[in-house]
């Protein structure tokens, strides 16, 4: 990287830091405030619940007794598990 480009980037990042948009760290920068918001599991569980139930029901219909299924964590996969609860001889692998 050329010295002039490196200097330009350094000046630009310093200006952005002065505006309070980033916080400079050793070797880089991070956002000054977190813009990520992760809703709680309960909040996610009730959001779009009817759609999640529909997906869970349809997915469970595809699973036949005696099969092995892998379910990851999540509110939609929770619905799949609920609809599979009455199935017999089912092996479920979870994360």
PDB file of N, CA and C in Angstrom:
ATOM      1  N   UNK A   1       0.855  -1.167   0.000  1.00  0.00           N
ATOM      2  CA  UNK A   1       0.000   0.000   0.000  1.00  0.00           C
ATOM      3  C   UNK A   1       0.900   1.228   0.000  1.00  0.00           C
ATOM      4  N   UNK A   2       0.566   2.188  -0.811  1.00  0.00           N
ATOM      5  CA  UNK A   2       1.408   3.381  -0.898  1.00  0.00           C
ATOM      6  C   UNK A   2       1.269   4.201   0.374  1.00  0.00           C
ATOM      7  N   UNK A   3       2.322   4.966   0.670  1.00  0.00           N
ATOM      8  CA  UNK A   3       2.337   5.793   1.871  1.00  0.00           C
ATOM      9  C   UNK A   3       1.248   6.850   1.834  1.00  0.00           C
ATOM     10  N   UNK A   4       0.967   7.428   0.661  1.00  0.00           N
ATOM     11  CA  UNK A   4      -0.063   8.472   0.575  1.00  0.00           C
ATOM     12  C   UNK A   4      -1.452   7.896   0.839  1.00  0.00           C
ATOM     13  N   UNK A   5      -1.712   6.684   0.338  1.00  0.00           N
ATOM     14  CA  UNK A   5      -3.007   6.052   0.582  1.00  0.00           C
ATOM     15  C   UNK A   5      -3.155   5.702   2.054  1.00  0.00           C
ATOM     16  N   UNK A   6      -2.088   5.203   2.658  1.00  0.00           N
ATOM     17  CA  UNK A   6      -2.123   4.860   4.078  1.00  0.00           C
ATOM     18  C   UNK A   6      -2.394   6.126   4.903  1.00  0.00           C
ATOM     19  N   UNK A   7      -1.758   7.211   4.556  1.00  0.00           N
ATOM     20  CA  UNK A   7      -1.943   8.470   5.272  1.00  0.00           C
ATOM     21  C   UNK A   7      -3.363   8.984   5.099  1.00  0.00           C
ATOM     22  N   UNK A   8      -3.904   8.863   3.870  1.00  0.00           N
ATOM     23  CA  UNK A   8      -5.275   9.309   3.600  1.00  0.00           C
ATOM     24  C   UNK A   8      -6.280   8.509   4.421  1.00  0.00           C
ATOM     25  N   UNK A   9      -6.077   7.190   4.489  1.00  0.00           N
ATOM     26  CA  UNK A   9      -6.972   6.346   5.289  1.00  0.00           C
ATOM     27  C   UNK A   9      -6.900   6.707   6.764  1.00  0.00           C
ATOM     28  N   UNK A  10      -5.684   6.951   7.247  1.00  0.00           N
ATOM     29  CA  UNK A  10      -5.506   7.318   8.651  1.00  0.00           C
ATOM     30  C   UNK A  10      -6.199   8.625   8.975  1.00  0.00           C
ATOM     31  N   UNK A  11      -6.084   9.597   8.080  1.00  0.00           N
ATOM     32  CA  UNK A  11      -6.730  10.890   8.281  1.00  0.00           C
ATOM     33  C   UNK A  11      -8.244  10.741   8.257  1.00  0.00           C
ATOM     34  N   UNK A  12      -8.749   9.948   7.313  1.00  0.00           N
ATOM     35  CA  UNK A  12     -10.187   9.738   7.200  1.00  0.00           C
ATOM     36  C   UNK A  12     -10.741   9.047   8.448  1.00  0.00           C
ATOM     37  N   UNK A  13     -10.045   8.038   8.933  1.00  0.00           N
ATOM     38  CA  UNK A  13     -10.524   7.331  10.119  1.00  0.00           C
ATOM     39  C   UNK A  13     -10.466   8.223  11.351  1.00  0.00           C
ATOM     40  N   UNK A  14      -9.463   9.106  11.423  1.00  0.00           N
ATOM     41  CA  UNK A  14      -9.373  10.045  12.536  1.00  0.00           C
ATOM     42  C   UNK A  14     -10.559  11.004  12.509  1.00  0.00           C
ATOM     43  N   UNK A  15     -10.934  11.477  11.318  1.00  0.00           N
ATOM     44  CA  UNK A  15     -12.086  12.376  11.199  1.00  0.00           C
ATOM     45  C   UNK A  15     -13.372  11.673  11.613  1.00  0.00           C
ATOM     46  N   UNK A  16     -13.531  10.428  11.192  1.00  0.00           N
ATOM     47  CA  UNK A  16     -14.729   9.663  11.563  1.00  0.00           C
ATOM     48  C   UNK A  16     -14.748   9.430  13.070  1.00  0.00           C
ATOM     49  N   UNK A  17     -13.589   9.178  13.660  1.00  0.00           N
ATOM     50  CA  UNK A  17     -13.506   8.986  15.111  1.00  0.00           C
ATOM     51  C   UNK A  17     -13.875  10.273  15.840  1.00  0.00           C
ATOM     52  N   UNK A  18     -13.430  11.407  15.322  1.00  0.00           N
ATOM     53  CA  UNK A  18     -13.751  12.699  15.947  1.00  0.00           C
ATOM     54  C   UNK A  18     -15.253  12.976  15.902  1.00  0.00           C
ATOM     55  N   UNK A  19     -15.937  12.463  14.898  1.00  0.00           N
ATOM     56  CA  UNK A  19     -17.383  12.640  14.793  1.00  0.00           C
ATOM     57  C   UNK A  19     -18.139  11.690  15.730  1.00  0.00           C
ATOM     58  N   UNK A  20     -17.415  10.800  16.366  1.00  0.00           N
ATOM     59  CA  UNK A  20     -18.024   9.880  17.317  1.00  0.00           C
ATOM     60  C   UNK A  20     -18.649   8.653  16.687  1.00  0.00           C
ATOM     61  N   UNK A  21     -18.349   8.396  15.408  1.00  0.00           N
ATOM     62  CA  UNK A  21     -18.929   7.248  14.723  1.00  0.00           C
ATOM     63  C   UNK A  21     -18.157   5.958  14.967  1.00  0.00           C
ATOM     64  N   UNK A  22     -16.862   6.075  15.209  1.00  0.00           N
ATOM     65  CA  UNK A  22     -16.032   4.907  15.499  1.00  0.00           C
ATOM     66  C   UNK A  22     -15.169   5.187  16.704  1.00  0.00           C
ATOM     67  N   UNK A  23     -14.665   4.124  17.285  1.00  0.00           N
ATOM     68  CA  UNK A  23     -13.703   4.234  18.373  1.00  0.00           C
ATOM     69  C   UNK A  23     -12.436   3.548  17.899  1.00  0.00           C
ATOM     70  N   UNK A  24     -11.352   4.285  17.871  1.00  0.00           N
ATOM     71  CA  UNK A  24     -10.093   3.716  17.398  1.00  0.00           C
ATOM     72  C   UNK A  24      -9.550   2.734  18.416  1.00  0.00           C
ATOM     73  N   UNK A  25      -9.023   1.641  17.906  1.00  0.00           N
ATOM     74  CA  UNK A  25      -8.400   0.627  18.752  1.00  0.00           C
ATOM     75  C   UNK A  25      -7.011   0.352  18.205  1.00  0.00           C
ATOM     76  N   UNK A  26      -6.232  -0.383  18.947  1.00  0.00           N
ATOM     77  CA  UNK A  26      -4.911  -0.759  18.454  1.00  0.00           C
ATOM     78  C   UNK A  26      -5.071  -1.605  17.197  1.00  0.00           C
ATOM     79  N   UNK A  27      -4.633  -1.086  16.082  1.00  0.00           N
ATOM     80  CA  UNK A  27      -4.694  -1.833  14.832  1.00  0.00           C
ATOM     81  C   UNK A  27      -6.024  -1.733  14.103  1.00  0.00           C
ATOM     82  N   UNK A  28      -6.912  -0.845  14.509  1.00  0.00           N
ATOM     83  CA  UNK A  28      -8.176  -0.750  13.789  1.00  0.00           C
ATOM     84  C   UNK A  28      -9.167   0.166  14.458  1.00  0.00           C
ATOM     85  N   UNK A  29     -10.434  -0.112  14.213  1.00  0.00           N
ATOM     86  CA  UNK A  29     -11.514   0.689  14.775  1.00  0.00           C
ATOM     87  C   UNK A  29     -12.754  -0.175  14.909  1.00  0.00           C
ATOM     88  N   UNK A  30     -13.621   0.209  15.834  1.00  0.00           N
ATOM     89  CA  UNK A  30     -14.893  -0.481  16.041  1.00  0.00           C
ATOM     90  C   UNK A  30     -15.992   0.574  16.090  1.00  0.00           C
ATOM     91  N   UNK A  31     -17.242   0.189  15.813  1.00  0.00           N
ATOM     92  CA  UNK A  31     -18.331   1.166  15.918  1.00  0.00           C
ATOM     93  C   UNK A  31     -18.390   1.751  17.327  1.00  0.00           C
ATOM     94  N   UNK A  32     -18.679   3.027  17.422  1.00  0.00           N
ATOM     95  CA  UNK A  32     -18.736   3.689  18.727  1.00  0.00           C
ATOM     96  C   UNK A  32     -19.893   3.171  19.564  1.00  0.00           C
ATOM     97  N   UNK A  33     -20.988   2.868  18.914  1.00  0.00           N
ATOM     98  CA  UNK A  33     -22.129   2.300  19.627  1.00  0.00           C
ATOM     99  C   UNK A  33     -22.575   1.058  18.893  1.00  0.00           C
ATOM    100  N   UNK A  34     -23.076   0.145  19.631  1.00  0.00           N
ATOM    101  CA  UNK A  34     -23.554  -1.086  19.026  1.00  0.00           C
ATOM    102  C   UNK A  34     -24.874  -0.831  18.329  1.00  0.00           C
ATOM    103  N   UNK A  35     -24.946  -1.196  17.058  1.00  0.00           N
ATOM    104  CA  UNK A  35     -26.194  -1.049  16.328  1.00  0.00           C
ATOM    105  C   UNK A  35     -26.946  -2.370  16.283  1.00  0.00           C
ATOM    106  N   UNK A  36     -26.306  -3.418  16.756  1.00  0.00           N
ATOM    107  CA  UNK A  36     -26.936  -4.742  16.731  1.00  0.00           C
ATOM    108  C   UNK A  36     -27.820  -4.895  17.960  1.00  0.00           C
ATOM    109  N   UNK A  37     -29.010  -5.378  17.733  1.00  0.00           N
ATOM    110  CA  UNK A  37     -29.921  -5.676  18.828  1.00  0.00           C
ATOM    111  C   UNK A  37     -30.411  -7.092  18.630  1.00  0.00           C
ATOM    112  N   UNK A  38     -30.187  -7.906  19.607  1.00  0.00           N
ATOM    113  CA  UNK A  38     -30.609  -9.296  19.528  1.00  0.00           C
ATOM    114  C   UNK A  38     -31.789  -9.476  20.480  1.00  0.00           C
ATOM    115  N   UNK A  39     -32.989  -9.681  19.916  1.00  0.00           N
ATOM    116  CA  UNK A  39     -34.147  -9.903  20.782  1.00  0.00           C
ATOM    117  C   UNK A  39     -33.983 -11.183  21.590  1.00  0.00           C
ATOM    118  N   UNK A  40     -34.676 -11.259  22.703  1.00  0.00           N
ATOM    119  CA  UNK A  40     -34.610 -12.457  23.535  1.00  0.00           C
ATOM    120  C   UNK A  40     -35.263 -13.627  22.808  1.00  0.00           C
ATOM    121  N   UNK A  41     -34.973 -14.825  23.283  1.00  0.00           N
ATOM    122  CA  UNK A  41     -35.572 -16.022  22.691  1.00  0.00           C
ATOM    123  C   UNK A  41     -37.088 -15.939  22.777  1.00  0.00           C
ATOM    124  N   UNK A  42     -37.610 -15.465  23.911  1.00  0.00           N
ATOM    125  CA  UNK A  42     -39.057 -15.355  24.085  1.00  0.00           C
ATOM    126  C   UNK A  42     -39.656 -14.401  23.058  1.00  0.00           C
ATOM    127  N   UNK A  43     -38.993 -13.264  22.847  1.00  0.00           N
ATOM    128  CA  UNK A  43     -39.489 -12.304  21.854  1.00  0.00           C
ATOM    129  C   UNK A  43     -39.504 -12.925  20.455  1.00  0.00           C
ATOM    130  N   UNK A  44     -38.440 -13.643  20.122  1.00  0.00           N
ATOM    131  CA  UNK A  44     -38.371 -14.294  18.813  1.00  0.00           C
ATOM    132  C   UNK A  44     -39.433 -15.387  18.692  1.00  0.00           C
ATOM    133  N   UNK A  45     -39.681 -16.074  19.801  1.00  0.00           N
ATOM    134  CA  UNK A  45     -40.629 -17.194  19.772  1.00  0.00           C
ATOM    135  C   UNK A  45     -42.042 -16.727  19.426  1.00  0.00           C
ATOM    136  N   UNK A  46     -42.446 -15.571  19.924  1.00  0.00           N
ATOM    137  CA  UNK A  46     -43.812 -15.113  19.675  1.00  0.00           C
ATOM    138  C   UNK A  46     -43.950 -14.302  18.386  1.00  0.00           C
ATOM    139  N   UNK A  47     -42.832 -13.828  17.868  1.00  0.00           N
ATOM    140  CA  UNK A  47     -42.886 -13.064  16.617  1.00  0.00           C
ATOM    141  C   UNK A  47     -43.146 -14.017  15.448  1.00  0.00           C
ATOM    142  N   UNK A  48     -44.130 -13.726  14.650  1.00  0.00           N
ATOM    143  CA  UNK A  48     -44.516 -14.546  13.491  1.00  0.00           C
ATOM    144  C   UNK A  48     -44.859 -15.981  13.906  1.00  0.00           C
ATOM    145  N   UNK A  49     -45.467 -16.141  15.074  1.00  0.00           N
ATOM    146  CA  UNK A  49     -45.707 -17.478  15.618  1.00  0.00           C
ATOM    147  C   UNK A  49     -46.558 -18.343  14.691  1.00  0.00           C
ATOM    148  N   UNK A  50     -47.552 -17.771  14.046  1.00  0.00           N
ATOM    149  CA  UNK A  50     -48.408 -18.581  13.172  1.00  0.00           C
ATOM    150  C   UNK A  50     -47.624 -19.101  11.967  1.00  0.00           C
ATOM    151  N   UNK A  51     -46.752 -18.294  11.422  1.00  0.00           N
ATOM    152  CA  UNK A  51     -45.913 -18.744  10.298  1.00  0.00           C
ATOM    153  C   UNK A  51     -44.958 -19.843  10.754  1.00  0.00           C
ATOM    154  N   UNK A  52     -44.395 -19.674  11.933  1.00  0.00           N
ATOM    155  CA  UNK A  52     -43.465 -20.672  12.457  1.00  0.00           C
ATOM    156  C   UNK A  52     -44.182 -21.996  12.730  1.00  0.00           C
ATOM    157  N   UNK A  53     -45.392 -21.915  13.242  1.00  0.00           N
ATOM    158  CA  UNK A  53     -46.170 -23.137  13.470  1.00  0.00           C
ATOM    159  C   UNK A  53     -46.475 -23.834  12.147  1.00  0.00           C
ATOM    160  N   UNK A  54     -46.814 -23.053  11.140  1.00  0.00           N
ATOM    161  CA  UNK A  54     -47.114 -23.620   9.826  1.00  0.00           C
ATOM    162  C   UNK A  54     -45.886 -24.315   9.240  1.00  0.00           C
ATOM    163  N   UNK A  55     -44.742 -23.663   9.344  1.00  0.00           N
ATOM    164  CA  UNK A  55     -43.490 -24.268   8.858  1.00  0.00           C
ATOM    165  C   UNK A  55     -43.178 -25.525   9.654  1.00  0.00           C
ATOM    166  N   UNK A  56     -43.326 -25.449  10.983  1.00  0.00           N
ATOM    167  CA  UNK A  56     -43.068 -26.608  11.836  1.00  0.00           C
ATOM    168  C   UNK A  56     -43.954 -27.789  11.507  1.00  0.00           C
ATOM    169  N   UNK A  57     -45.229 -27.517  11.269  1.00  0.00           N
ATOM    170  CA  UNK A  57     -46.182 -28.582  10.930  1.00  0.00           C
ATOM    171  C   UNK A  57     -45.817 -29.230   9.590  1.00  0.00           C
ATOM    172  N   UNK A  58     -45.530 -28.396   8.570  1.00  0.00           N
ATOM    173  CA  UNK A  58     -45.180 -28.921   7.244  1.00  0.00           C
ATOM    174  C   UNK A  58     -43.884 -29.728   7.295  1.00  0.00           C
ATOM    175  N   UNK A  59     -42.901 -29.231   8.024  1.00  0.00           N
ATOM    176  CA  UNK A  59     -41.625 -29.944   8.136  1.00  0.00           C
ATOM    177  C   UNK A  59     -41.819 -31.278   8.855  1.00  0.00           C
ATOM    178  N   UNK A  60     -42.616 -31.271   9.917  1.00  0.00           N
ATOM    179  CA  UNK A  60     -42.860 -32.503  10.677  1.00  0.00           C
ATOM    180  C   UNK A  60     -43.592 -33.537   9.830  1.00  0.00           C
ATOM    181  N   UNK A  61     -44.439 -33.089   8.907  1.00  0.00           N
ATOM    182  CA  UNK A  61     -45.140 -34.021   8.025  1.00  0.00           C
ATOM    183  C   UNK A  61     -44.173 -34.764   7.105  1.00  0.00           C
ATOM    184  N   UNK A  62     -43.030 -34.164   6.824  1.00  0.00           N
ATOM    185  CA  UNK A  62     -42.034 -34.784   5.943  1.00  0.00           C
ATOM    186  C   UNK A  62     -41.184 -35.828   6.669  1.00  0.00           C
ATOM    187  N   UNK A  63     -41.242 -35.815   7.989  1.00  0.00           N
ATOM    188  CA  UNK A  63     -40.430 -36.724   8.792  1.00  0.00           C
ATOM    189  C   UNK A  63     -41.257 -37.956   9.120  1.00  0.00           C
ATOM    190  N   UNK A  64     -40.742 -39.119   8.736  1.00  0.00           N
ATOM    191  CA  UNK A  64     -41.476 -40.358   9.005  1.00  0.00           C
ATOM    192  C   UNK A  64     -40.848 -41.083  10.193  1.00  0.00           C
ATOM    193  N   UNK A  65     -41.659 -41.875  10.857  1.00  0.00           N
ATOM    194  CA  UNK A  65     -41.181 -42.614  12.023  1.00  0.00           C
ATOM    195  C   UNK A  65     -40.017 -43.509  11.625  1.00  0.00           C
ATOM    196  N   UNK A  66     -39.042 -43.596  12.511  1.00  0.00           N
ATOM    197  CA  UNK A  66     -37.865 -44.408  12.257  1.00  0.00           C
ATOM    198  C   UNK A  66     -36.700 -43.617  11.676  1.00  0.00           C
ATOM    199  N   UNK A  67     -36.929 -42.365  11.320  1.00  0.00           N
ATOM    200  CA  UNK A  67     -35.863 -41.550  10.732  1.00  0.00           C
ATOM    201  C   UNK A  67     -35.007 -40.895  11.802  1.00  0.00           C
ATOM    202  N   UNK A  68     -33.881 -40.392  11.362  1.00  0.00           N
ATOM    203  CA  UNK A  68     -33.011 -39.575  12.201  1.00  0.00           C
ATOM    204  C   UNK A  68     -33.035 -38.168  11.627  1.00  0.00           C
ATOM    205  N   UNK A  69     -33.265 -37.186  12.479  1.00  0.00           N
ATOM    206  CA  UNK A  69     -33.281 -35.791  12.047  1.00  0.00           C
ATOM    207  C   UNK A  69     -32.312 -34.991  12.904  1.00  0.00           C
ATOM    208  N   UNK A  70     -31.776 -33.952  12.317  1.00  0.00           N
ATOM    209  CA  UNK A  70     -30.886 -33.040  13.033  1.00  0.00           C
ATOM    210  C   UNK A  70     -31.596 -31.705  13.146  1.00  0.00           C
ATOM    211  N   UNK A  71     -31.764 -31.226  14.362  1.00  0.00           N
ATOM    212  CA  UNK A  71     -32.398 -29.931  14.598  1.00  0.00           C
ATOM    213  C   UNK A  71     -31.414 -28.994  15.265  1.00  0.00           C
ATOM    214  N   UNK A  72     -31.250 -27.836  14.677  1.00  0.00           N
ATOM    215  CA  UNK A  72     -30.413 -26.789  15.258  1.00  0.00           C
ATOM    216  C   UNK A  72     -31.270 -26.001  16.242  1.00  0.00           C
ATOM    217  N   UNK A  73     -30.675 -25.041  16.900  1.00  0.00           N
ATOM    218  CA  UNK A  73     -31.454 -24.217  17.824  1.00  0.00           C
ATOM    219  C   UNK A  73     -32.231 -23.162  17.046  1.00  0.00           C
ATOM    220  N   UNK A  74     -33.310 -22.712  17.608  1.00  0.00           N
ATOM    221  CA  UNK A  74     -34.091 -21.663  16.972  1.00  0.00           C
ATOM    222  C   UNK A  74     -35.564 -21.808  17.285  1.00  0.00           C
ATOM    223  N   UNK A  75     -36.293 -20.739  17.051  1.00  0.00           N
ATOM    224  CA  UNK A  75     -37.704 -20.727  17.392  1.00  0.00           C
ATOM    225  C   UNK A  75     -38.558 -21.467  16.367  1.00  0.00           C
ATOM    226  N   UNK A  76     -38.129 -21.495  15.126  1.00  0.00           N
ATOM    227  CA  UNK A  76     -38.874 -22.263  14.119  1.00  0.00           C
ATOM    228  C   UNK A  76     -38.617 -23.753  14.305  1.00  0.00           C
ATOM    229  N   UNK A  77     -37.376 -24.116  14.575  1.00  0.00           N
ATOM    230  CA  UNK A  77     -37.085 -25.534  14.805  1.00  0.00           C
ATOM    231  C   UNK A  77     -37.755 -26.035  16.088  1.00  0.00           C
ATOM    232  N   UNK A  78     -38.002 -25.150  17.024  1.00  0.00           N
ATOM    233  CA  UNK A  78     -38.764 -25.527  18.212  1.00  0.00           C
ATOM    234  C   UNK A  78     -40.155 -26.005  17.807  1.00  0.00           C
ATOM    235  N   UNK A  79     -40.754 -25.328  16.855  1.00  0.00           N
ATOM    236  CA  UNK A  79     -42.078 -25.738  16.382  1.00  0.00           C
ATOM    237  C   UNK A  79     -42.011 -27.102  15.685  1.00  0.00           C
ATOM    238  N   UNK A  80     -40.949 -27.351  14.936  1.00  0.00           N
ATOM    239  CA  UNK A  80     -40.773 -28.665  14.302  1.00  0.00           C
ATOM    240  C   UNK A  80     -40.735 -29.742  15.384  1.00  0.00           C
ATOM    241  N   UNK A  81     -39.948 -29.485  16.423  1.00  0.00           N
ATOM    242  CA  UNK A  81     -39.833 -30.457  17.517  1.00  0.00           C
ATOM    243  C   UNK A  81     -41.182 -30.707  18.177  1.00  0.00           C
ATOM    244  N   UNK A  82     -41.961 -29.654  18.381  1.00  0.00           N
ATOM    245  CA  UNK A  82     -43.275 -29.819  19.001  1.00  0.00           C
ATOM    246  C   UNK A  82     -44.190 -30.691  18.143  1.00  0.00           C
ATOM    247  N   UNK A  83     -44.153 -30.483  16.834  1.00  0.00           N
ATOM    248  CA  UNK A  83     -45.008 -31.279  15.952  1.00  0.00           C
ATOM    249  C   UNK A  83     -44.490 -32.709  15.771  1.00  0.00           C
ATOM    250  N   UNK A  84     -43.243 -32.953  16.119  1.00  0.00           N
ATOM    251  CA  UNK A  84     -42.691 -34.313  16.035  1.00  0.00           C
ATOM    252  C   UNK A  84     -42.844 -35.083  17.343  1.00  0.00           C
ATOM    253  N   UNK A  85     -43.331 -34.423  18.375  1.00  0.00           N
ATOM    254  CA  UNK A  85     -43.396 -35.035  19.706  1.00  0.00           C
ATOM    255  C   UNK A  85     -44.193 -36.337  19.735  1.00  0.00           C
ATOM    256  N   UNK A  86     -45.206 -36.457  18.892  1.00  0.00           N
ATOM    257  CA  UNK A  86     -46.035 -37.667  18.917  1.00  0.00           C
ATOM    258  C   UNK A  86     -45.469 -38.789  18.053  1.00  0.00           C
ATOM    259  N   UNK A  87     -44.424 -38.531  17.304  1.00  0.00           N
ATOM    260  CA  UNK A  87     -43.838 -39.569  16.444  1.00  0.00           C
ATOM    261  C   UNK A  87     -43.059 -40.560  17.302  1.00  0.00           C
ATOM    262  N   UNK A  88     -43.084 -41.812  16.913  1.00  0.00           N
ATOM    263  CA  UNK A  88     -42.388 -42.867  17.647  1.00  0.00           C
ATOM    264  C   UNK A  88     -41.157 -43.298  16.861  1.00  0.00           C
ATOM    265  N   UNK A  89     -40.200 -43.857  17.585  1.00  0.00           N
ATOM    266  CA  UNK A  89     -38.994 -44.407  16.979  1.00  0.00           C
ATOM    267  C   UNK A  89     -38.285 -43.356  16.107  1.00  0.00           C
ATOM    268  N   UNK A  90     -38.147 -42.173  16.672  1.00  0.00           N
ATOM    269  CA  UNK A  90     -37.497 -41.071  15.975  1.00  0.00           C
ATOM    270  C   UNK A  90     -36.224 -40.701  16.711  1.00  0.00           C
ATOM    271  N   UNK A  91     -35.135 -40.599  15.992  1.00  0.00           N
ATOM    272  CA  UNK A  91     -33.883 -40.163  16.599  1.00  0.00           C
ATOM    273  C   UNK A  91     -33.673 -38.697  16.235  1.00  0.00           C
ATOM    274  N   UNK A  92     -33.521 -37.865  17.254  1.00  0.00           N
ATOM    275  CA  UNK A  92     -33.333 -36.428  17.043  1.00  0.00           C
ATOM    276  C   UNK A  92     -31.966 -36.043  17.575  1.00  0.00           C
ATOM    277  N   UNK A  93     -31.159 -35.459  16.715  1.00  0.00           N
ATOM    278  CA  UNK A  93     -29.834 -34.978  17.096  1.00  0.00           C
ATOM    279  C   UNK A  93     -29.930 -33.468  17.196  1.00  0.00           C
ATOM    280  N   UNK A  94     -29.476 -32.919  18.325  1.00  0.00           N
ATOM    281  CA  UNK A  94     -29.521 -31.470  18.523  1.00  0.00           C
ATOM    282  C   UNK A  94     -28.121 -30.922  18.688  1.00  0.00           C
ATOM    283  N   UNK A  95     -28.032 -29.671  18.513  1.00  0.00           N
ATOM    284  CA  UNK A  95     -26.738 -28.982  18.629  1.00  0.00           C
ATOM    285  C   UNK A  95     -26.449 -28.668  20.063  1.00  0.00           C
TER     286      UNK A  95
END
